[in-house]
């Protein structure tokens, strides 16, 4: 009788632990989704700013955007690549210091 009670108690405790772990995992997933969404929103905002800059200026170079937005060179390259795939900007020049971007 005492062993049955102990086994039931162990099963209940394990069930509580499993439920708690599931809840924690679900909360972590939601937090990660929120972080991803915020990063996506920040990227879209940066791309919008780039397009606004191109409305005021005919051409932009990477270093200008790095300085204005305060993001890394790699981020700026990614933003321009995406804008180019979306058909919103075009790259002029192949590589190096001679490259700039303009609106399509």
N, C-alpha and C. Protein backbone atom coordinates (compact mmCIF):
# COMPACT_ATOMS: atom_id res chain seq x y z
N UNK A 1 0.82 -1.19 0.00
CA UNK A 1 0.00 0.00 0.00
C UNK A 1 0.87 1.25 0.00
N UNK A 2 1.87 1.27 0.84
CA UNK A 2 2.77 2.41 0.93
C UNK A 2 3.54 2.62 -0.36
N UNK A 3 3.93 1.52 -1.03
CA UNK A 3 4.67 1.61 -2.30
C UNK A 3 3.77 2.21 -3.38
N UNK A 4 2.50 1.84 -3.42
CA UNK A 4 1.56 2.40 -4.40
C UNK A 4 1.44 3.91 -4.22
N UNK A 5 1.35 4.35 -2.98
CA UNK A 5 1.25 5.79 -2.70
C UNK A 5 2.50 6.52 -3.17
N UNK A 6 3.65 5.94 -2.93
CA UNK A 6 4.91 6.55 -3.35
C UNK A 6 4.99 6.60 -4.87
N UNK A 7 4.59 5.53 -5.55
CA UNK A 7 4.60 5.52 -7.02
C UNK A 7 3.64 6.56 -7.59
N UNK A 8 2.47 6.68 -7.01
CA UNK A 8 1.50 7.68 -7.46
C UNK A 8 2.06 9.08 -7.24
N UNK A 9 2.68 9.30 -6.11
CA UNK A 9 3.28 10.60 -5.82
C UNK A 9 4.37 10.93 -6.83
N UNK A 10 5.21 9.96 -7.16
CA UNK A 10 6.28 10.16 -8.14
C UNK A 10 5.69 10.49 -9.51
N UNK A 11 4.64 9.78 -9.90
CA UNK A 11 3.99 10.03 -11.19
C UNK A 11 3.40 11.43 -11.24
N UNK A 12 2.76 11.86 -10.16
CA UNK A 12 2.17 13.20 -10.11
C UNK A 12 3.27 14.26 -10.21
N UNK A 13 4.34 14.09 -9.47
CA UNK A 13 5.44 15.05 -9.51
C UNK A 13 6.05 15.11 -10.92
N UNK A 14 6.26 13.96 -11.54
CA UNK A 14 6.80 13.93 -12.90
C UNK A 14 5.85 14.62 -13.88
N UNK A 15 4.55 14.41 -13.72
CA UNK A 15 3.57 15.06 -14.59
C UNK A 15 3.64 16.57 -14.43
N UNK A 16 3.77 17.05 -13.21
CA UNK A 16 3.88 18.49 -12.95
C UNK A 16 5.14 19.04 -13.61
N UNK A 17 6.24 18.32 -13.50
CA UNK A 17 7.50 18.75 -14.11
C UNK A 17 7.36 18.81 -15.63
N UNK A 18 6.74 17.80 -16.22
CA UNK A 18 6.57 17.77 -17.67
C UNK A 18 5.70 18.95 -18.13
N UNK A 19 4.62 19.22 -17.43
CA UNK A 19 3.74 20.35 -17.78
C UNK A 19 4.51 21.66 -17.66
N UNK A 20 5.28 21.83 -16.61
CA UNK A 20 6.06 23.04 -16.41
C UNK A 20 7.09 23.23 -17.54
N UNK A 21 7.77 22.15 -17.90
CA UNK A 21 8.74 22.22 -18.98
C UNK A 21 8.06 22.58 -20.31
N UNK A 22 6.90 22.01 -20.57
CA UNK A 22 6.15 22.33 -21.78
C UNK A 22 5.77 23.81 -21.81
N UNK A 23 5.28 24.32 -20.68
CA UNK A 23 4.90 25.74 -20.61
C UNK A 23 6.10 26.65 -20.83
N UNK A 24 7.22 26.31 -20.20
CA UNK A 24 8.44 27.11 -20.37
C UNK A 24 8.90 27.11 -21.83
N UNK A 25 8.84 25.94 -22.46
CA UNK A 25 9.24 25.83 -23.87
C UNK A 25 8.32 26.66 -24.75
N UNK A 26 7.03 26.63 -24.46
CA UNK A 26 6.06 27.40 -25.24
C UNK A 26 6.31 28.90 -25.07
N UNK A 27 6.60 29.34 -23.85
CA UNK A 27 6.91 30.75 -23.60
C UNK A 27 8.17 31.17 -24.34
N UNK A 28 9.18 30.29 -24.34
CA UNK A 28 10.44 30.59 -25.03
C UNK A 28 10.20 30.74 -26.53
N UNK A 29 9.37 29.87 -27.09
CA UNK A 29 9.06 29.94 -28.52
C UNK A 29 8.36 31.26 -28.83
N UNK A 30 7.42 31.67 -28.00
CA UNK A 30 6.73 32.93 -28.22
C UNK A 30 7.70 34.11 -28.13
N UNK A 31 8.62 34.06 -27.17
CA UNK A 31 9.61 35.12 -27.03
C UNK A 31 10.50 35.19 -28.26
N UNK A 32 10.92 34.03 -28.75
CA UNK A 32 11.76 33.98 -29.94
C UNK A 32 11.00 34.54 -31.14
N UNK A 33 9.72 34.19 -31.28
CA UNK A 33 8.91 34.71 -32.38
C UNK A 33 8.79 36.23 -32.30
N UNK A 34 8.65 36.77 -31.09
CA UNK A 34 8.57 38.22 -30.92
C UNK A 34 9.88 38.89 -31.30
N UNK A 35 11.00 38.28 -30.95
CA UNK A 35 12.32 38.81 -31.29
C UNK A 35 12.49 38.81 -32.81
N UNK A 36 12.10 37.71 -33.46
CA UNK A 36 12.20 37.64 -34.92
C UNK A 36 11.32 38.69 -35.58
N UNK A 37 10.11 38.88 -35.05
CA UNK A 37 9.20 39.86 -35.62
C UNK A 37 9.76 41.27 -35.47
N UNK A 38 10.34 41.57 -34.31
CA UNK A 38 10.93 42.89 -34.08
C UNK A 38 12.09 43.14 -35.04
N UNK A 39 12.93 42.12 -35.24
CA UNK A 39 14.06 42.25 -36.17
C UNK A 39 13.56 42.49 -37.59
N UNK A 40 12.50 41.79 -37.97
CA UNK A 40 11.93 41.98 -39.30
C UNK A 40 11.39 43.40 -39.46
N UNK A 41 10.72 43.90 -38.43
CA UNK A 41 10.20 45.26 -38.48
C UNK A 41 11.32 46.29 -38.58
N UNK A 42 12.40 46.08 -37.83
CA UNK A 42 13.54 47.00 -37.89
C UNK A 42 14.19 46.98 -39.27
N UNK A 43 14.29 45.79 -39.87
CA UNK A 43 14.87 45.67 -41.21
C UNK A 43 13.99 46.40 -42.22
N UNK A 44 12.69 46.21 -42.12
CA UNK A 44 11.78 46.88 -43.06
C UNK A 44 11.84 48.39 -42.89
N UNK A 45 11.96 48.85 -41.66
CA UNK A 45 12.08 50.29 -41.40
C UNK A 45 13.37 50.83 -42.02
N UNK A 46 14.46 50.10 -41.88
CA UNK A 46 15.74 50.52 -42.46
C UNK A 46 15.64 50.58 -43.99
N UNK A 47 14.98 49.59 -44.58
CA UNK A 47 14.81 49.59 -46.04
C UNK A 47 13.96 50.78 -46.49
N UNK A 48 12.94 51.10 -45.71
CA UNK A 48 12.11 52.27 -46.03
C UNK A 48 12.93 53.56 -45.96
N UNK A 49 13.80 53.65 -44.96
CA UNK A 49 14.66 54.83 -44.83
C UNK A 49 15.61 54.95 -46.01
N UNK A 50 16.12 53.82 -46.46
CA UNK A 50 17.00 53.82 -47.63
C UNK A 50 16.24 54.37 -48.85
N UNK A 51 15.02 53.90 -49.04
CA UNK A 51 14.22 54.38 -50.17
C UNK A 51 13.90 55.87 -50.04
N UNK A 52 13.66 56.32 -48.81
CA UNK A 52 13.44 57.75 -48.59
C UNK A 52 14.69 58.56 -48.94
N UNK A 53 15.84 58.04 -48.57
CA UNK A 53 17.10 58.72 -48.90
C UNK A 53 17.28 58.79 -50.41
N UNK A 54 16.89 57.70 -51.10
CA UNK A 54 17.03 57.69 -52.56
C UNK A 54 16.01 58.61 -53.23
N UNK A 55 14.95 58.97 -52.54
CA UNK A 55 14.02 59.96 -53.08
C UNK A 55 14.65 61.36 -53.07
N UNK A 56 15.54 61.59 -52.11
CA UNK A 56 16.19 62.89 -51.96
C UNK A 56 17.50 62.98 -52.74
N UNK A 57 18.11 61.82 -52.98
CA UNK A 57 19.42 61.77 -53.60
C UNK A 57 19.38 60.70 -54.69
N UNK A 58 19.98 60.97 -55.81
CA UNK A 58 19.91 60.03 -56.94
C UNK A 58 20.65 58.72 -56.71
N UNK A 59 21.73 58.80 -55.93
CA UNK A 59 22.50 57.58 -55.71
C UNK A 59 23.00 57.53 -54.27
N UNK A 60 23.17 56.30 -53.78
CA UNK A 60 23.68 56.07 -52.42
C UNK A 60 24.78 55.03 -52.46
N UNK A 61 25.77 55.25 -51.64
CA UNK A 61 26.83 54.26 -51.47
C UNK A 61 26.66 53.60 -50.10
N UNK A 62 27.19 52.40 -49.98
CA UNK A 62 27.06 51.64 -48.74
C UNK A 62 27.49 52.44 -47.51
N UNK A 63 28.65 53.08 -47.60
CA UNK A 63 29.20 53.77 -46.42
C UNK A 63 28.29 54.90 -45.96
N UNK A 64 27.58 55.54 -46.89
CA UNK A 64 26.65 56.60 -46.50
C UNK A 64 25.52 56.05 -45.64
N UNK A 65 24.98 54.91 -46.06
CA UNK A 65 23.87 54.30 -45.33
C UNK A 65 24.35 53.78 -43.98
N UNK A 66 25.55 53.22 -43.95
CA UNK A 66 26.13 52.75 -42.68
C UNK A 66 26.17 53.91 -41.69
N UNK A 67 26.67 55.06 -42.13
CA UNK A 67 26.79 56.22 -41.26
C UNK A 67 25.44 56.78 -40.83
N UNK A 68 24.49 56.83 -41.74
CA UNK A 68 23.19 57.43 -41.43
C UNK A 68 22.35 56.52 -40.53
N UNK A 69 22.30 55.22 -40.88
CA UNK A 69 21.46 54.30 -40.10
C UNK A 69 22.17 53.75 -38.86
N UNK A 70 23.49 53.81 -38.85
CA UNK A 70 24.23 53.30 -37.70
C UNK A 70 24.18 51.79 -37.59
N UNK A 71 24.17 51.12 -38.75
CA UNK A 71 24.17 49.66 -38.77
C UNK A 71 25.45 49.19 -39.45
N UNK A 72 25.66 47.89 -39.43
CA UNK A 72 26.90 47.35 -40.01
C UNK A 72 26.86 47.38 -41.54
N UNK A 73 28.04 47.31 -42.11
CA UNK A 73 28.18 47.28 -43.57
C UNK A 73 27.46 46.05 -44.13
N UNK A 74 27.59 44.92 -43.45
CA UNK A 74 26.93 43.69 -43.90
C UNK A 74 25.41 43.85 -43.92
N UNK A 75 24.87 44.53 -42.90
CA UNK A 75 23.43 44.77 -42.87
C UNK A 75 23.00 45.61 -44.06
N UNK A 76 23.77 46.66 -44.35
CA UNK A 76 23.43 47.54 -45.48
C UNK A 76 23.48 46.75 -46.78
N UNK A 77 24.48 45.92 -46.94
CA UNK A 77 24.57 45.09 -48.16
C UNK A 77 23.34 44.20 -48.26
N UNK A 78 22.94 43.60 -47.15
CA UNK A 78 21.74 42.75 -47.17
C UNK A 78 20.49 43.55 -47.52
N UNK A 79 20.36 44.74 -46.96
CA UNK A 79 19.20 45.59 -47.26
C UNK A 79 19.16 45.91 -48.75
N UNK A 80 20.31 46.32 -49.30
CA UNK A 80 20.35 46.65 -50.73
C UNK A 80 20.07 45.41 -51.58
N UNK A 81 20.60 44.26 -51.19
CA UNK A 81 20.33 43.02 -51.94
C UNK A 81 18.83 42.73 -51.97
N UNK A 82 18.18 42.87 -50.82
CA UNK A 82 16.74 42.62 -50.77
C UNK A 82 15.97 43.64 -51.61
N UNK A 83 16.34 44.90 -51.49
CA UNK A 83 15.67 45.94 -52.28
C UNK A 83 15.88 45.70 -53.78
N UNK A 84 17.05 45.19 -54.12
CA UNK A 84 17.34 44.90 -55.52
C UNK A 84 16.47 43.72 -56.00
N UNK A 85 16.36 42.67 -55.19
CA UNK A 85 15.50 41.52 -55.54
C UNK A 85 14.03 41.95 -55.66
N UNK A 86 13.64 42.91 -54.84
CA UNK A 86 12.26 43.41 -54.88
C UNK A 86 12.04 44.36 -56.05
N UNK A 87 13.10 44.70 -56.79
CA UNK A 87 12.99 45.56 -57.95
C UNK A 87 12.86 47.04 -57.60
N UNK A 88 13.28 47.43 -56.40
CA UNK A 88 13.14 48.82 -55.96
C UNK A 88 14.40 49.64 -56.17
N UNK A 89 15.55 48.97 -56.21
CA UNK A 89 16.81 49.66 -56.47
C UNK A 89 17.63 48.85 -57.47
N UNK A 90 18.62 49.51 -58.03
CA UNK A 90 19.54 48.79 -58.89
C UNK A 90 20.96 49.15 -58.49
N UNK A 91 21.83 48.16 -58.59
CA UNK A 91 23.24 48.36 -58.29
C UNK A 91 23.94 48.83 -59.55
N UNK A 92 24.76 49.87 -59.40
CA UNK A 92 25.56 50.37 -60.50
C UNK A 92 27.01 50.12 -60.13
N UNK A 93 27.71 49.39 -60.97
CA UNK A 93 29.07 48.98 -60.67
C UNK A 93 29.06 47.55 -60.14
N UNK A 94 30.21 46.90 -60.29
CA UNK A 94 30.26 45.49 -59.92
C UNK A 94 30.71 45.27 -58.48
N UNK A 95 31.77 45.96 -58.07
CA UNK A 95 32.27 45.77 -56.71
C UNK A 95 33.20 46.91 -56.32
N UNK A 96 33.45 46.99 -55.05
CA UNK A 96 34.40 47.98 -54.56
C UNK A 96 33.83 49.37 -54.39
N UNK A 97 34.72 50.34 -54.39
CA UNK A 97 34.34 51.73 -54.11
C UNK A 97 33.50 52.37 -55.21
N UNK A 98 33.47 51.77 -56.37
CA UNK A 98 32.72 52.35 -57.48
C UNK A 98 31.24 51.96 -57.47
N UNK A 99 30.84 51.12 -56.54
CA UNK A 99 29.46 50.66 -56.49
C UNK A 99 28.58 51.70 -55.79
N UNK A 100 27.42 51.93 -56.40
CA UNK A 100 26.39 52.73 -55.73
C UNK A 100 25.03 52.18 -56.16
N UNK A 101 24.01 52.66 -55.50
CA UNK A 101 22.65 52.18 -55.76
C UNK A 101 21.77 53.35 -56.11
N UNK A 102 20.83 53.10 -57.02
CA UNK A 102 19.85 54.11 -57.39
C UNK A 102 18.48 53.46 -57.48
N UNK A 103 17.46 54.28 -57.46
CA UNK A 103 16.09 53.76 -57.59
C UNK A 103 15.86 53.26 -59.00
N UNK A 104 15.03 52.27 -59.12
CA UNK A 104 14.69 51.74 -60.45
C UNK A 104 13.54 52.54 -61.04
